[in-house]
């Protein structure tokens, strides 16, 4: 979930732990996770090479099977984040 939050532009210090992530997940309106995902500017994210690298490391450190066992909802966010990284970097996932 930290990777998702970073992808949509959340400041890294604000999502360094689960309590920070939960605060951001609870936001509504323009700051809701749904709206932020729907309005993600891929060009802006792609320009943040360090952030993309961190997200890639986070995603690669977790296996989808384990995520699915723990939470079906989290597995959807995992798949979305993986898809975003594949769109940004053709070599991701190889």
Protein backbone atom coordinates (compact mmCIF):
# COMPACT_ATOMS: atom_id res chain seq x y z
CA UNK A 1 0.00 0.00 0.00
CA UNK A 2 2.96 2.29 0.51
CA UNK A 3 3.79 1.87 -3.18
CA UNK A 4 0.27 2.89 -4.14
CA UNK A 5 0.46 5.96 -1.94
CA UNK A 6 3.82 6.97 -3.39
CA UNK A 7 2.54 6.45 -6.94
CA UNK A 8 -0.33 8.87 -6.42
CA UNK A 9 1.99 11.51 -5.00
CA UNK A 10 1.74 11.14 -1.25
CA UNK A 11 4.81 12.53 0.53
CA UNK A 12 7.03 9.58 1.55
CA UNK A 13 7.36 10.70 5.18
CA UNK A 14 3.59 10.64 5.57
CA UNK A 15 3.30 6.98 4.55
CA UNK A 16 6.37 5.53 6.21
CA UNK A 17 4.22 3.30 8.42
CA UNK A 18 0.80 1.66 8.43
CA UNK A 19 -0.83 4.36 10.58
CA UNK A 20 0.14 7.03 8.04
CA UNK A 21 -1.13 4.90 5.18
CA UNK A 22 -4.46 4.35 6.96
CA UNK A 23 -4.86 8.10 7.42
CA UNK A 24 -4.44 8.65 3.68
CA UNK A 25 -6.75 5.77 2.81
CA UNK A 26 -9.48 7.41 4.90
CA UNK A 27 -9.38 10.72 3.04
CA UNK A 28 -12.41 11.75 1.01
CA UNK A 29 -13.16 14.16 -1.81
CA UNK A 30 -10.25 15.30 -3.98
CA UNK A 31 -7.76 13.50 -1.76
CA UNK A 32 -9.56 10.15 -1.80
CA UNK A 33 -7.50 7.23 -3.05
CA UNK A 34 -10.05 6.48 -5.77
CA UNK A 35 -9.91 10.00 -7.19
CA UNK A 36 -6.12 10.17 -6.94
CA UNK A 37 -5.79 6.87 -8.82
CA UNK A 38 -8.24 7.97 -11.51
CA UNK A 39 -6.43 11.27 -12.06
CA UNK A 40 -2.87 9.94 -11.88
CA UNK A 41 -0.63 11.82 -14.29
CA UNK A 42 1.71 9.14 -15.65
CA UNK A 43 4.09 11.74 -17.09
CA UNK A 44 4.57 13.34 -13.69
CA UNK A 45 5.15 9.98 -12.02
CA UNK A 46 7.57 8.90 -14.75
CA UNK A 47 9.61 12.05 -14.18
CA UNK A 48 10.08 11.04 -10.53
CA UNK A 49 12.65 8.36 -11.24
CA UNK A 50 13.65 7.85 -7.61
CA UNK A 51 10.03 7.39 -6.54
CA UNK A 52 9.43 4.90 -9.37
CA UNK A 53 12.53 2.98 -8.30
CA UNK A 54 11.34 2.83 -4.67
CA UNK A 55 7.88 1.66 -5.76
CA UNK A 56 9.48 -1.04 -7.89
CA UNK A 57 11.54 -2.29 -4.95
CA UNK A 58 8.45 -2.34 -2.74
CA UNK A 59 6.44 -4.29 -5.31
CA UNK A 60 9.26 -6.72 -6.03
CA UNK A 61 9.70 -7.45 -2.33
CA UNK A 62 6.17 -8.88 -2.07
CA UNK A 63 4.65 -11.89 -3.83
CA UNK A 64 1.11 -11.61 -5.17
CA UNK A 65 0.14 -15.01 -3.73
CA UNK A 66 0.93 -13.81 -0.23
CA UNK A 67 -0.94 -10.55 -0.78
CA UNK A 68 -4.03 -12.44 -2.01
CA UNK A 69 -4.00 -14.67 1.07
CA UNK A 70 -3.94 -11.67 3.37
CA UNK A 71 -6.30 -9.31 1.54
CA UNK A 72 -8.20 -9.48 -1.75
CA UNK A 73 -8.51 -5.69 -1.68
CA UNK A 74 -4.78 -5.20 -1.26
CA UNK A 75 -4.16 -7.58 -4.15
CA UNK A 76 -6.12 -5.24 -6.44
CA UNK A 77 -3.91 -2.32 -5.40
CA UNK A 78 -0.85 -4.54 -5.91
CA UNK A 79 -1.98 -5.41 -9.44
CA UNK A 80 -2.74 -1.76 -10.24
CA UNK A 81 0.66 -0.62 -9.02
CA UNK A 82 2.40 -3.37 -10.98
CA UNK A 83 0.48 -2.31 -14.09
CA UNK A 84 1.49 1.32 -13.61
CA UNK A 85 5.13 0.30 -13.31
CA UNK A 86 4.85 -1.82 -16.48
CA UNK A 87 3.42 1.19 -18.32
CA UNK A 88 6.28 3.37 -17.10
CA UNK A 89 9.11 0.88 -17.61
CA UNK A 90 8.99 -1.88 -20.22
CA UNK A 91 11.64 -3.84 -18.32
CA UNK A 92 9.65 -3.97 -15.07
CA UNK A 93 8.60 -7.49 -14.20
CA UNK A 94 11.14 -9.19 -16.42
